[in-house]
Amino acid sequence: MKKKISAKDKFLADIIGIISQSKESAIRSVDFERVLMYWKLGERILVEEQQGKKRAEYGTYLLKNLADKLEPQFGSGFSYRQLARARQFYKIYPIVSALRTQFNWMQYKLLIHINDSDKRDYYELEALHNAWNGRELERQINSSLYERLLLSNDKKSVLAVARKERMPVDPNEIIKDPSTLEFLGLKKESSYYEKDIETAIIDNLQFFLLELGNGFSFVARQKRILLEDDEFFVDLVCYNRLLRCFVLIDIKTGKLTHKDLGQMQMYVNYYDRDIKLPEENLTIGLLLCADKNDAVVKYSLPKDNKTIMASQYKLYLPSEKELLKELKKIAPPPCLSS
């Protein structure tokens, strides 16, 4: 029998709620006042610079001279680098009413270092809709989330989903390939059993769901499927509220084979026929593998396949060289005119 909450307990809970909410509002208010301070500094610096625009070195001289006077008095928050950021901040966000009150200065520092306006718009919207803190936003930028989504989607559809102009209908619009699992803390040189990866994922479940994409929730681990006398176990079961379907995940520490794909197809068929509700969409099967042959994946699955996916996982953030290589694939350099 459910215990009834007394009037005294409800009163205390209300008081605690008011205090907690006020503290959170005060912190957000202080954070945004700092944002406004840097915006105003950037505006004032730019106005002063424009008065001396005929002198090429005036901007650098102005910032250095200002930092020399401010930093000893107010600390490292007013160094040459920070003042340069404030100036850049105002250039990118010249209208103060366009600033997001939910963002702190750390988040804006990350955003203003993104030169591509579409890319910056994407991260700003995703951080807003998913309530990413500074650490989460930094990780998504460093793991090249935007570029990884562009590998299997066009820019227009990626931005449309971020702007909530349309709902995602294809799992490729949410699930990335490759998946970056550096937060597991496993060294890429070492070999692991599948249960090691699975355990590390469960231990870092919040980060794993964030890496999977928007709308994911955890359902089960080692979900048992009994087919007559044969037992099978799905490593991880999730649900995506945007796609409105179950997502079954199997981890493969070796190279993906056609047998792995066939087994995942069986799991998906079972969920579609026996588990999912009539109003839910078809189940998605995701194979997280250390290595894969795209041709094997292509010819092992039907031409119209939209429910079985293979994503190569990486246990480390991509290097600059690897990132440039992937960027060239999605944005080849323009031909030089003769």
C-alpha atoms as a PDB file:
ATOM      1  CA  MET A   1       0.000   0.000   0.000  1.00  0.00           C
ATOM      2  CA  LYS A   2       1.320   3.390  -1.017  1.00  0.00           C
ATOM      3  CA  LYS A   3       2.249   5.573   1.930  1.00  0.00           C
ATOM      4  CA  LYS A   4       0.317   8.833   2.091  1.00  0.00           C
ATOM      5  CA  ILE A   5       2.452  11.965   2.225  1.00  0.00           C
ATOM      6  CA  SER A   6       1.630  14.101   5.245  1.00  0.00           C
ATOM      7  CA  ALA A   7       0.902  17.828   4.986  1.00  0.00           C
ATOM      8  CA  LYS A   8       4.052  18.501   7.023  1.00  0.00           C
ATOM      9  CA  ASP A   9       6.241  16.468   4.635  1.00  0.00           C
ATOM     10  CA  LYS A  10       4.681  18.157   1.597  1.00  0.00           C
ATOM     11  CA  PHE A  11       5.287  21.575   3.140  1.00  0.00           C
ATOM     12  CA  LEU A  12       8.956  20.705   3.770  1.00  0.00           C
ATOM     13  CA  ALA A  13       9.340  19.344   0.221  1.00  0.00           C
ATOM     14  CA  ASP A  14       7.861  22.563  -1.204  1.00  0.00           C
ATOM     15  CA  ILE A  15      10.250  24.720   0.824  1.00  0.00           C
ATOM     16  CA  ILE A  16      13.277  22.639  -0.260  1.00  0.00           C
ATOM     17  CA  GLY A  17      12.087  22.864  -3.885  1.00  0.00           C
ATOM     18  CA  ILE A  18      11.830  26.664  -3.695  1.00  0.00           C
ATOM     19  CA  ILE A  19      15.344  26.954  -2.229  1.00  0.00           C
ATOM     20  CA  SER A  20      16.878  24.556  -4.771  1.00  0.00           C
ATOM     21  CA  GLN A  21      15.206  26.266  -7.724  1.00  0.00           C
ATOM     22  CA  SER A  22      16.302  29.697  -6.483  1.00  0.00           C
ATOM     23  CA  LYS A  23      19.908  28.513  -6.103  1.00  0.00           C
ATOM     24  CA  GLU A  24      19.913  27.075  -9.632  1.00  0.00           C
ATOM     25  CA  SER A  25      18.405  30.295 -11.009  1.00  0.00           C
ATOM     26  CA  ALA A  26      21.026  32.355  -9.169  1.00  0.00           C
ATOM     27  CA  ILE A  27      23.865  30.265 -10.642  1.00  0.00           C
ATOM     28  CA  ARG A  28      22.409  30.556 -14.161  1.00  0.00           C
ATOM     29  CA  SER A  29      21.973  34.291 -13.647  1.00  0.00           C
ATOM     30  CA  VAL A  30      25.614  34.725 -12.585  1.00  0.00           C
ATOM     31  CA  ASP A  31      26.800  32.606 -15.528  1.00  0.00           C
ATOM     32  CA  PHE A  32      24.803  34.671 -18.007  1.00  0.00           C
ATOM     33  CA  GLU A  33      25.983  37.950 -16.463  1.00  0.00           C
ATOM     34  CA  ARG A  34      29.507  36.757 -17.236  1.00  0.00           C
ATOM     35  CA  VAL A  35      28.450  36.055 -20.820  1.00  0.00           C
ATOM     36  CA  LEU A  36      26.974  39.553 -21.076  1.00  0.00           C
ATOM     37  CA  MET A  37      30.148  41.067 -19.640  1.00  0.00           C
ATOM     38  CA  TYR A  38      32.308  39.473 -22.349  1.00  0.00           C
ATOM     39  CA  TRP A  39      29.785  40.471 -25.032  1.00  0.00           C
ATOM     40  CA  LYS A  40      29.923  44.100 -23.872  1.00  0.00           C
ATOM     41  CA  LEU A  41      33.727  43.981 -23.707  1.00  0.00           C
ATOM     42  CA  GLY A  42      33.823  42.640 -27.258  1.00  0.00           C
ATOM     43  CA  GLU A  43      31.493  45.375 -28.464  1.00  0.00           C
ATOM     44  CA  ARG A  44      33.513  48.147 -26.813  1.00  0.00           C
ATOM     45  CA  ILE A  45      36.833  46.762 -28.063  1.00  0.00           C
ATOM     46  CA  LEU A  46      35.548  46.506 -31.628  1.00  0.00           C
ATOM     47  CA  VAL A  47      34.196  50.072 -31.575  1.00  0.00           C
ATOM     48  CA  GLU A  48      37.586  51.310 -30.328  1.00  0.00           C
ATOM     49  CA  GLU A  49      39.433  49.300 -32.969  1.00  0.00           C
ATOM     50  CA  GLN A  50      37.318  50.728 -35.777  1.00  0.00           C
ATOM     51  CA  GLN A  51      38.492  54.201 -34.829  1.00  0.00           C
ATOM     52  CA  GLY A  52      42.044  53.111 -35.618  1.00  0.00           C
ATOM     53  CA  LYS A  53      41.232  50.814 -38.555  1.00  0.00           C
ATOM     54  CA  LYS A  54      43.765  52.556 -40.823  1.00  0.00           C
ATOM     55  CA  ARG A  55      46.564  51.219 -38.639  1.00  0.00           C
ATOM     56  CA  ALA A  56      47.084  47.510 -39.383  1.00  0.00           C
ATOM     57  CA  GLU A  57      48.606  46.678 -35.992  1.00  0.00           C
ATOM     58  CA  TYR A  58      46.156  48.738 -33.956  1.00  0.00           C
ATOM     59  CA  GLY A  59      43.939  45.797 -32.924  1.00  0.00           C
ATOM     60  CA  THR A  60      46.819  43.689 -31.611  1.00  0.00           C
ATOM     61  CA  TYR A  61      48.364  46.673 -29.818  1.00  0.00           C
ATOM     62  CA  LEU A  62      45.024  47.637 -28.275  1.00  0.00           C
ATOM     63  CA  LEU A  63      44.347  44.143 -26.861  1.00  0.00           C
ATOM     64  CA  LYS A  64      47.878  43.692 -25.543  1.00  0.00           C
ATOM     65  CA  ASN A  65      47.889  47.076 -23.862  1.00  0.00           C
ATOM     66  CA  LEU A  66      44.453  46.446 -22.361  1.00  0.00           C
ATOM     67  CA  ALA A  67      45.419  42.983 -21.081  1.00  0.00           C
ATOM     68  CA  ASP A  68      48.574  44.386 -19.462  1.00  0.00           C
ATOM     69  CA  LYS A  69      46.405  46.771 -17.445  1.00  0.00           C
ATOM     70  CA  LEU A  70      43.458  44.461 -16.650  1.00  0.00           C
ATOM     71  CA  GLU A  71      45.074  41.092 -15.935  1.00  0.00           C
ATOM     72  CA  PRO A  72      47.124  42.164 -12.879  1.00  0.00           C
ATOM     73  CA  GLN A  73      44.009  43.696 -11.347  1.00  0.00           C
ATOM     74  CA  PHE A  74      41.249  41.245 -12.368  1.00  0.00           C
ATOM     75  CA  GLY A  75      43.061  37.979 -13.121  1.00  0.00           C
ATOM     76  CA  SER A  76      43.468  35.593 -16.070  1.00  0.00           C
ATOM     77  CA  GLY A  77      39.861  36.094 -17.177  1.00  0.00           C
ATOM     78  CA  PHE A  78      41.081  39.301 -18.810  1.00  0.00           C
ATOM     79  CA  SER A  79      44.212  38.064 -20.550  1.00  0.00           C
ATOM     80  CA  TYR A  80      45.026  38.911 -24.157  1.00  0.00           C
ATOM     81  CA  ARG A  81      43.521  35.579 -25.249  1.00  0.00           C
ATOM     82  CA  GLN A  82      40.273  36.152 -23.350  1.00  0.00           C
ATOM     83  CA  LEU A  83      39.895  39.670 -24.692  1.00  0.00           C
ATOM     84  CA  ALA A  84      40.457  38.360 -28.216  1.00  0.00           C
ATOM     85  CA  ARG A  85      37.707  35.796 -27.563  1.00  0.00           C
ATOM     86  CA  ALA A  86      35.373  38.563 -26.356  1.00  0.00           C
ATOM     87  CA  ARG A  87      35.977  40.478 -29.577  1.00  0.00           C
ATOM     88  CA  GLN A  88      35.294  37.340 -31.660  1.00  0.00           C
ATOM     89  CA  PHE A  89      32.221  36.616 -29.541  1.00  0.00           C
ATOM     90  CA  TYR A  90      30.700  39.990 -30.408  1.00  0.00           C
ATOM     91  CA  LYS A  91      31.548  39.538 -34.097  1.00  0.00           C
ATOM     92  CA  ILE A  92      29.694  36.210 -34.253  1.00  0.00           C
ATOM     93  CA  TYR A  93      26.784  37.263 -32.004  1.00  0.00           C
ATOM     94  CA  PRO A  94      26.353  41.003 -32.707  1.00  0.00           C
ATOM     95  CA  ILE A  95      22.743  41.062 -31.418  1.00  0.00           C
ATOM     96  CA  VAL A  96      22.567  40.645 -27.650  1.00  0.00           C
ATOM     97  CA  SER A  97      18.966  39.392 -27.708  1.00  0.00           C
ATOM     98  CA  ALA A  98      20.121  36.403 -29.813  1.00  0.00           C
ATOM     99  CA  LEU A  99      22.247  35.062 -26.949  1.00  0.00           C
ATOM    100  CA  ARG A 100      21.023  31.892 -25.238  1.00  0.00           C
ATOM    101  CA  THR A 101      20.474  32.493 -21.542  1.00  0.00           C
ATOM    102  CA  GLN A 102      20.977  28.741 -20.933  1.00  0.00           C
ATOM    103  CA  PHE A 103      24.608  28.867 -22.145  1.00  0.00           C
ATOM    104  CA  ASN A 104      27.566  29.794 -19.973  1.00  0.00           C
ATOM    105  CA  TRP A 105      30.862  31.315 -21.092  1.00  0.00           C
ATOM    106  CA  MET A 106      32.563  27.910 -21.447  1.00  0.00           C
ATOM    107  CA  GLN A 107      29.914  26.817 -23.952  1.00  0.00           C
ATOM    108  CA  TYR A 108      30.181  30.045 -25.917  1.00  0.00           C
ATOM    109  CA  LYS A 109      33.986  29.742 -25.980  1.00  0.00           C
ATOM    110  CA  LEU A 110      33.579  26.349 -27.664  1.00  0.00           C
ATOM    111  CA  LEU A 111      31.037  27.670 -30.161  1.00  0.00           C
ATOM    112  CA  ILE A 112      32.954  30.774 -31.259  1.00  0.00           C
ATOM    113  CA  HIS A 113      35.960  28.635 -32.233  1.00  0.00           C
ATOM    114  CA  ILE A 114      33.817  26.918 -34.911  1.00  0.00           C
ATOM    115  CA  ASN A 115      34.308  28.842 -38.152  1.00  0.00           C
ATOM    116  CA  ASP A 116      31.619  27.048 -40.199  1.00  0.00           C
ATOM    117  CA  SER A 117      28.330  28.839 -39.390  1.00  0.00           C
ATOM    118  CA  ASP A 118      26.167  25.773 -40.236  1.00  0.00           C
ATOM    119  CA  LYS A 119      28.303  23.563 -38.006  1.00  0.00           C
ATOM    120  CA  ARG A 120      28.172  26.116 -35.188  1.00  0.00           C
ATOM    121  CA  ASP A 121      24.393  26.408 -35.599  1.00  0.00           C
ATOM    122  CA  TYR A 122      24.064  22.611 -35.371  1.00  0.00           C
ATOM    123  CA  TYR A 123      26.034  22.332 -32.103  1.00  0.00           C
ATOM    124  CA  GLU A 124      24.238  25.337 -30.611  1.00  0.00           C
ATOM    125  CA  LEU A 125      20.819  23.807 -31.328  1.00  0.00           C
ATOM    126  CA  GLU A 126      21.791  20.329 -30.137  1.00  0.00           C
ATOM    127  CA  ALA A 127      23.284  21.735 -26.918  1.00  0.00           C
ATOM    128  CA  LEU A 128      20.065  23.690 -26.353  1.00  0.00           C
ATOM    129  CA  HIS A 129      17.610  20.855 -27.110  1.00  0.00           C
ATOM    130  CA  ASN A 130      19.564  18.203 -25.177  1.00  0.00           C
ATOM    131  CA  ALA A 131      20.655  20.417 -22.271  1.00  0.00           C
ATOM    132  CA  TRP A 132      24.333  19.590 -22.843  1.00  0.00           C
ATOM    133  CA  ASN A 133      26.664  21.101 -20.288  1.00  0.00           C
ATOM    134  CA  GLY A 134      30.079  22.427 -21.302  1.00  0.00           C
ATOM    135  CA  ARG A 135      31.787  19.058 -20.905  1.00  0.00           C
ATOM    136  CA  GLU A 136      29.216  17.241 -23.051  1.00  0.00           C
ATOM    137  CA  LEU A 137      29.332  19.913 -25.761  1.00  0.00           C
ATOM    138  CA  GLU A 138      33.140  19.778 -25.805  1.00  0.00           C
ATOM    139  CA  ARG A 139      33.105  15.994 -26.187  1.00  0.00           C
ATOM    140  CA  GLN A 140      30.638  16.084 -29.063  1.00  0.00           C
ATOM    141  CA  ILE A 141      32.716  18.692 -30.892  1.00  0.00           C
ATOM    142  CA  ASN A 142      35.984  16.829 -30.260  1.00  0.00           C
ATOM    143  CA  SER A 143      34.461  13.535 -31.435  1.00  0.00           C
ATOM    144  CA  SER A 144      33.339  15.230 -34.700  1.00  0.00           C
ATOM    145  CA  LEU A 145      29.648  14.443 -34.211  1.00  0.00           C
ATOM    146  CA  TYR A 146      28.590  16.816 -37.005  1.00  0.00           C
ATOM    147  CA  GLU A 147      31.040  15.376 -39.531  1.00  0.00           C
ATOM    148  CA  ARG A 148      30.153  11.784 -38.630  1.00  0.00           C
ATOM    149  CA  LEU A 149      26.475  12.472 -39.235  1.00  0.00           C
ATOM    150  CA  LEU A 150      27.345  14.043 -42.592  1.00  0.00           C
ATOM    151  CA  LEU A 151      29.055  10.811 -43.654  1.00  0.00           C
ATOM    152  CA  SER A 152      25.611   9.184 -44.034  1.00  0.00           C
ATOM    153  CA  ASN A 153      23.336  12.253 -44.361  1.00  0.00           C
ATOM    154  CA  ASP A 154      23.252  15.463 -46.368  1.00  0.00           C
ATOM    155  CA  LYS A 155      23.800  18.753 -44.555  1.00  0.00           C
ATOM    156  CA  LYS A 156      20.252  19.957 -45.210  1.00  0.00           C
ATOM    157  CA  SER A 157      18.618  16.995 -43.432  1.00  0.00           C
ATOM    158  CA  VAL A 158      21.075  17.118 -40.486  1.00  0.00           C
ATOM    159  CA  LEU A 159      20.309  20.805 -39.881  1.00  0.00           C
ATOM    160  CA  ALA A 160      16.555  20.311 -40.403  1.00  0.00           C
ATOM    161  CA  VAL A 161      16.466  17.679 -37.627  1.00  0.00           C
ATOM    162  CA  ALA A 162      18.562  19.903 -35.321  1.00  0.00           C
ATOM    163  CA  ARG A 163      16.231  22.852 -35.994  1.00  0.00           C
ATOM    164  CA  LYS A 164      13.206  20.588 -35.315  1.00  0.00           C
ATOM    165  CA  GLU A 165      11.839  21.380 -38.768  1.00  0.00           C
ATOM    166  CA  ARG A 166      11.309  17.650 -39.222  1.00  0.00           C
ATOM    167  CA  MET A 167      11.486  14.466 -37.153  1.00  0.00           C
ATOM    168  CA  PRO A 168      14.121  11.834 -37.985  1.00  0.00           C
ATOM    169  CA  VAL A 169      12.646   8.885 -39.891  1.00  0.00           C
ATOM    170  CA  ASP A 170      15.825   7.016 -40.786  1.00  0.00           C
ATOM    171  CA  PRO A 171      18.173   5.550 -38.124  1.00  0.00           C
ATOM    172  CA  ASN A 172      21.136   6.954 -40.102  1.00  0.00           C
ATOM    173  CA  GLU A 173      19.946  10.422 -39.113  1.00  0.00           C
ATOM    174  CA  ILE A 174      20.648   9.602 -35.459  1.00  0.00           C
ATOM    175  CA  ILE A 175      23.158   6.727 -35.272  1.00  0.00           C
ATOM    176  CA  LYS A 176      26.703   7.535 -36.346  1.00  0.00           C
ATOM    177  CA  ASP A 177      29.310   5.434 -38.097  1.00  0.00           C
ATOM    178  CA  PRO A 178      31.916   5.320 -36.698  1.00  0.00           C
ATOM    179  CA  SER A 179      30.921   5.496 -33.031  1.00  0.00           C
ATOM    180  CA  THR A 180      33.503   7.021 -30.702  1.00  0.00           C
ATOM    181  CA  LEU A 181      33.730   5.299 -27.299  1.00  0.00           C
ATOM    182  CA  GLU A 182      36.814   6.979 -25.827  1.00  0.00           C
ATOM    183  CA  PHE A 183      34.908   7.578 -22.569  1.00  0.00           C
ATOM    184  CA  LEU A 184      35.145   3.841 -21.799  1.00  0.00           C
ATOM    185  CA  GLY A 185      38.786   4.386 -20.841  1.00  0.00           C
ATOM    186  CA  LEU A 186      40.004   1.312 -22.771  1.00  0.00           C
ATOM    187  CA  LYS A 187      43.333   1.408 -24.576  1.00  0.00           C
ATOM    188  CA  LYS A 188      43.086   0.927 -28.321  1.00  0.00           C
ATOM    189  CA  GLU A 189      46.220  -1.254 -28.402  1.00  0.00           C
ATOM    190  CA  SER A 190      44.710  -3.923 -26.178  1.00  0.00           C
ATOM    191  CA  SER A 191      42.400  -6.750 -27.183  1.00  0.00           C
ATOM    192  CA  TYR A 192      39.163  -7.212 -25.272  1.00  0.00           C
ATOM    193  CA  TYR A 193      36.376  -9.719 -24.863  1.00  0.00           C
ATOM    194  CA  GLU A 194      32.912  -8.535 -25.853  1.00  0.00           C
ATOM    195  CA  LYS A 195      31.828  -8.669 -22.199  1.00  0.00           C
ATOM    196  CA  ASP A 196      34.638  -6.204 -21.327  1.00  0.00           C
ATOM    197  CA  ILE A 197      33.242  -3.639 -23.781  1.00  0.00           C
ATOM    198  CA  GLU A 198      29.694  -4.322 -22.612  1.00  0.00           C
ATOM    199  CA  THR A 199      30.610  -3.878 -18.928  1.00  0.00           C
ATOM    200  CA  ALA A 200      32.464  -0.653 -19.673  1.00  0.00           C
ATOM    201  CA  ILE A 201      29.413   0.649 -21.576  1.00  0.00           C
ATOM    202  CA  ILE A 202      27.091  -0.132 -18.653  1.00  0.00           C
ATOM    203  CA  ASP A 203      29.514   1.626 -16.292  1.00  0.00           C
ATOM    204  CA  ASN A 204      29.412   4.688 -18.567  1.00  0.00           C
ATOM    205  CA  LEU A 205      25.798   4.383 -19.683  1.00  0.00           C
ATOM    206  CA  GLN A 206      25.013   8.110 -19.684  1.00  0.00           C
ATOM    207  CA  PHE A 207      27.901   8.859 -22.050  1.00  0.00           C
ATOM    208  CA  PHE A 208      27.060   5.845 -24.225  1.00  0.00           C
ATOM    209  CA  LEU A 209      23.445   6.967 -24.724  1.00  0.00           C
ATOM    210  CA  LEU A 210      24.714  10.454 -25.537  1.00  0.00           C
ATOM    211  CA  GLU A 211      27.058   8.978 -28.152  1.00  0.00           C
ATOM    212  CA  LEU A 212      24.296   6.822 -29.653  1.00  0.00           C
ATOM    213  CA  GLY A 213      22.245   9.911 -30.472  1.00  0.00           C
ATOM    214  CA  ASN A 214      19.093  11.774 -29.513  1.00  0.00           C
ATOM    215  CA  GLY A 215      16.114  10.077 -27.892  1.00  0.00           C
ATOM    216  CA  PHE A 216      17.737   6.889 -26.543  1.00  0.00           C
ATOM    217  CA  SER A 217      16.842   5.180 -23.282  1.00  0.00           C
ATOM    218  CA  PHE A 218      18.242   1.960 -21.797  1.00  0.00           C
ATOM    219  CA  VAL A 219      15.963  -1.095 -21.567  1.00  0.00           C
ATOM    220  CA  ALA A 220      17.973  -4.250 -20.818  1.00  0.00           C
ATOM    221  CA  ARG A 221      21.359  -5.957 -20.774  1.00  0.00           C
ATOM    222  CA  GLN A 222      21.876  -9.562 -21.990  1.00  0.00           C
ATOM    223  CA  LYS A 223      18.209  -9.855 -22.967  1.00  0.00           C
ATOM    224  CA  ARG A 224      17.339 -13.559 -23.226  1.00  0.00           C
ATOM    225  CA  ILE A 225      15.536 -14.865 -26.302  1.00  0.00           C
ATOM    226  CA  LEU A 226      14.316 -18.462 -26.080  1.00  0.00           C
ATOM    227  CA  LEU A 227      13.462 -20.159 -29.385  1.00  0.00           C
ATOM    228  CA  GLU A 228      12.247 -23.664 -28.534  1.00  0.00           C
ATOM    229  CA  ASP A 229      15.306 -25.181 -26.798  1.00  0.00           C
ATOM    230  CA  ASP A 230      17.862 -22.644 -28.031  1.00  0.00           C
ATOM    231  CA  GLU A 231      18.893 -19.606 -25.980  1.00  0.00           C
ATOM    232  CA  PHE A 232      20.214 -16.371 -27.431  1.00  0.00           C
ATOM    233  CA  PHE A 233      21.231 -13.165 -25.659  1.00  0.00           C
ATOM    234  CA  VAL A 234      21.106  -9.637 -27.068  1.00  0.00           C
ATOM    235  CA  ASP A 235      23.961  -7.629 -25.525  1.00  0.00           C
ATOM    236  CA  LEU A 236      22.012  -4.390 -25.062  1.00  0.00           C
ATOM    237  CA  VAL A 237      18.428  -3.322 -25.712  1.00  0.00           C
ATOM    238  CA  CYS A 238      17.535   0.370 -26.007  1.00  0.00           C
ATOM    239  CA  TYR A 239      14.482   2.303 -27.111  1.00  0.00           C
ATOM    240  CA  ASN A 240      14.415   5.450 -29.223  1.00  0.00           C
ATOM    241  CA  ARG A 241      11.434   7.709 -28.596  1.00  0.00           C
ATOM    242  CA  LEU A 242      12.026   9.786 -31.764  1.00  0.00           C
ATOM    243  CA  LEU A 243      12.105   6.761 -34.072  1.00  0.00           C
ATOM    244  CA  ARG A 244       9.533   5.032 -31.826  1.00  0.00           C
ATOM    245  CA  CYS A 245      11.212   1.645 -31.952  1.00  0.00           C
ATOM    246  CA  PHE A 246      13.455  -0.789 -30.087  1.00  0.00           C
ATOM    247  CA  VAL A 247      17.169  -0.727 -30.905  1.00  0.00           C
ATOM    248  CA  LEU A 248      19.032  -4.004 -30.356  1.00  0.00           C
ATOM    249  CA  ILE A 249      22.806  -3.740 -29.965  1.00  0.00           C
ATOM    250  CA  ASP A 250      25.371  -6.515 -30.308  1.00  0.00           C
ATOM    251  CA  ILE A 251      29.076  -5.918 -29.683  1.00  0.00           C
ATOM    252  CA  LYS A 252      31.687  -7.598 -31.878  1.00  0.00           C
ATOM    253  CA  THR A 253      35.356  -7.179 -30.955  1.00  0.00           C
ATOM    254  CA  GLY A 254      36.514  -8.838 -34.176  1.00  0.00           C
ATOM    255  CA  LYS A 255      35.739  -8.210 -37.829  1.00  0.00           C
ATOM    256  CA  LEU A 256      32.042  -8.307 -38.656  1.00  0.00           C
ATOM    257  CA  THR A 257      30.888 -11.416 -40.577  1.00  0.00           C
ATOM    258  CA  HIS A 258      27.765 -12.320 -42.555  1.00  0.00           C
ATOM    259  CA  LYS A 259      26.871 -14.728 -39.704  1.00  0.00           C
ATOM    260  CA  ASP A 260      26.777 -11.795 -37.265  1.00  0.00           C
ATOM    261  CA  LEU A 261      24.431  -9.929 -39.608  1.00  0.00           C
ATOM    262  CA  GLY A 262      22.214 -13.007 -39.970  1.00  0.00           C
ATOM    263  CA  GLN A 263      21.976 -13.438 -36.223  1.00  0.00           C
ATOM    264  CA  MET A 264      21.034  -9.781 -35.752  1.00  0.00           C
ATOM    265  CA  GLN A 265      18.358 -10.170 -38.425  1.00  0.00           C
ATOM    266  CA  MET A 266      16.908 -13.041 -36.387  1.00  0.00           C
ATOM    267  CA  TYR A 267      16.844 -10.879 -33.226  1.00  0.00           C
ATOM    268  CA  VAL A 268      15.102  -8.060 -35.123  1.00  0.00           C
ATOM    269  CA  ASN A 269      12.523 -10.458 -36.604  1.00  0.00           C
ATOM    270  CA  TYR A 270      11.768 -11.841 -33.138  1.00  0.00           C
ATOM    271  CA  TYR A 271      11.216  -8.361 -31.659  1.00  0.00           C
ATOM    272  CA  ASP A 272       9.069  -7.260 -34.604  1.00  0.00           C
ATOM    273  CA  ARG A 273       6.837 -10.334 -34.398  1.00  0.00           C
ATOM    274  CA  ASP A 274       6.639 -10.941 -30.642  1.00  0.00           C
ATOM    275  CA  ILE A 275       7.652  -7.825 -28.685  1.00  0.00           C
ATOM    276  CA  LYS A 276       6.873  -4.539 -30.413  1.00  0.00           C
ATOM    277  CA  LEU A 277       3.393  -3.010 -30.242  1.00  0.00           C
ATOM    278  CA  PRO A 278       1.367  -2.506 -33.442  1.00  0.00           C
ATOM    279  CA  GLU A 279       1.748   1.287 -33.283  1.00  0.00           C
ATOM    280  CA  GLU A 280       5.552   1.103 -32.909  1.00  0.00           C
ATOM    281  CA  ASN A 281       7.964   1.177 -35.838  1.00  0.00           C
ATOM    282  CA  LEU A 282      10.166  -1.690 -37.006  1.00  0.00           C
ATOM    283  CA  THR A 283      13.000  -2.728 -34.684  1.00  0.00           C
ATOM    284  CA  ILE A 284      16.530  -1.597 -35.525  1.00  0.00           C
ATOM    285  CA  GLY A 285      19.547  -3.868 -35.124  1.00  0.00           C
ATOM    286  CA  LEU A 286      22.911  -2.179 -34.511  1.00  0.00           C
ATOM    287  CA  LEU A 287      26.163  -4.125 -34.647  1.00  0.00           C
ATOM    288  CA  LEU A 288      29.001  -2.275 -32.909  1.00  0.00           C
ATOM    289  CA  CYS A 289      32.142  -3.813 -34.355  1.00  0.00           C
ATOM    290  CA  ALA A 290      35.894  -3.243 -34.125  1.00  0.00           C
ATOM    291  CA  ASP A 291      36.222  -3.714 -37.906  1.00  0.00           C
ATOM    292  CA  LYS A 292      33.922  -4.254 -40.873  1.00  0.00           C
ATOM    293  CA  ASN A 293      33.900  -4.820 -44.604  1.00  0.00           C
ATOM    294  CA  ASP A 294      31.276  -2.495 -46.089  1.00  0.00           C
ATOM    295  CA  ALA A 295      30.857  -4.745 -49.137  1.00  0.00           C
ATOM    296  CA  VAL A 296      30.052  -7.750 -46.898  1.00  0.00           C
ATOM    297  CA  VAL A 297      27.478  -5.650 -45.036  1.00  0.00           C
ATOM    298  CA  LYS A 298      25.963  -4.442 -48.317  1.00  0.00           C
ATOM    299  CA  TYR A 299      25.567  -7.876 -49.922  1.00  0.00           C
ATOM    300  CA  SER A 300      24.539  -9.700 -46.747  1.00  0.00           C
ATOM    301  CA  LEU A 301      21.473  -7.490 -46.370  1.00  0.00           C
ATOM    302  CA  PRO A 302      18.485  -6.794 -48.684  1.00  0.00           C
ATOM    303  CA  LYS A 303      18.718  -3.836 -51.060  1.00  0.00           C
ATOM    304  CA  ASP A 304      15.951  -1.984 -49.250  1.00  0.00           C
ATOM    305  CA  ASN A 305      17.398  -2.675 -45.784  1.00  0.00           C
ATOM    306  CA  LYS A 306      16.708   0.104 -43.284  1.00  0.00           C
ATOM    307  CA  THR A 307      16.712  -1.830 -40.024  1.00  0.00           C
ATOM    308  CA  ILE A 308      20.147  -3.483 -39.718  1.00  0.00           C
ATOM    309  CA  MET A 309      23.131  -1.189 -39.201  1.00  0.00           C
ATOM    310  CA  ALA A 310      26.829  -1.774 -38.633  1.00  0.00           C
ATOM    311  CA  SER A 311      28.881   0.911 -36.911  1.00  0.00           C
ATOM    312  CA  GLN A 312      32.609   0.611 -36.365  1.00  0.00           C
ATOM    313  CA  TYR A 313      33.549   1.727 -32.866  1.00  0.00           C
ATOM    314  CA  LYS A 314      36.714   3.592 -31.937  1.00  0.00           C
ATOM    315  CA  LEU A 315      38.136   3.591 -28.428  1.00  0.00           C
ATOM    316  CA  TYR A 316      39.807   6.966 -28.890  1.00  0.00           C
ATOM    317  CA  LEU A 317      38.998  10.377 -30.303  1.00  0.00           C
ATOM    318  CA  PRO A 318      40.053  10.799 -33.944  1.00  0.00           C
ATOM    319  CA  SER A 319      43.411  12.435 -34.588  1.00  0.00           C
ATOM    320  CA  GLU A 320      43.635  15.588 -36.682  1.00  0.00           C
ATOM    321  CA  LYS A 321      44.969  13.508 -39.601  1.00  0.00           C
ATOM    322  CA  GLU A 322      42.060  11.047 -39.387  1.00  0.00           C
ATOM    323  CA  LEU A 323      39.546  13.870 -39.120  1.00  0.00           C
ATOM    324  CA  LEU A 324      40.943  15.621 -42.207  1.00  0.00           C
ATOM    325  CA  LYS A 325      40.782  12.330 -44.106  1.00  0.00           C
ATOM    326  CA  GLU A 326      37.087  11.902 -43.236  1.00  0.00           C
ATOM    327  CA  LEU A 327      36.329  15.534 -44.039  1.00  0.00           C
ATOM    328  CA  LYS A 328      37.835  15.150 -47.505  1.00  0.00           C
ATOM    329  CA  LYS A 329      35.460  12.252 -48.144  1.00  0.00           C
ATOM    330  CA  ILE A 330      32.384  14.372 -47.463  1.00  0.00           C
ATOM    331  CA  ALA A 331      33.726  17.660 -48.857  1.00  0.00           C
ATOM    332  CA  PRO A 332      36.262  17.105 -51.676  1.00  0.00           C
ATOM    333  CA  PRO A 333      38.395  20.158 -52.510  1.00  0.00           C
ATOM    334  CA  PRO A 334      37.083  22.295 -55.408  1.00  0.00           C
ATOM    335  CA  CYS A 335      38.796  22.010 -58.780  1.00  0.00           C
ATOM    336  CA  LEU A 336      41.147  24.859 -59.597  1.00  0.00           C
ATOM    337  CA  SER A 337      40.081  26.934 -62.587  1.00  0.00           C
ATOM    338  CA  SER A 338      42.534  27.095 -65.447  1.00  0.00           C
END
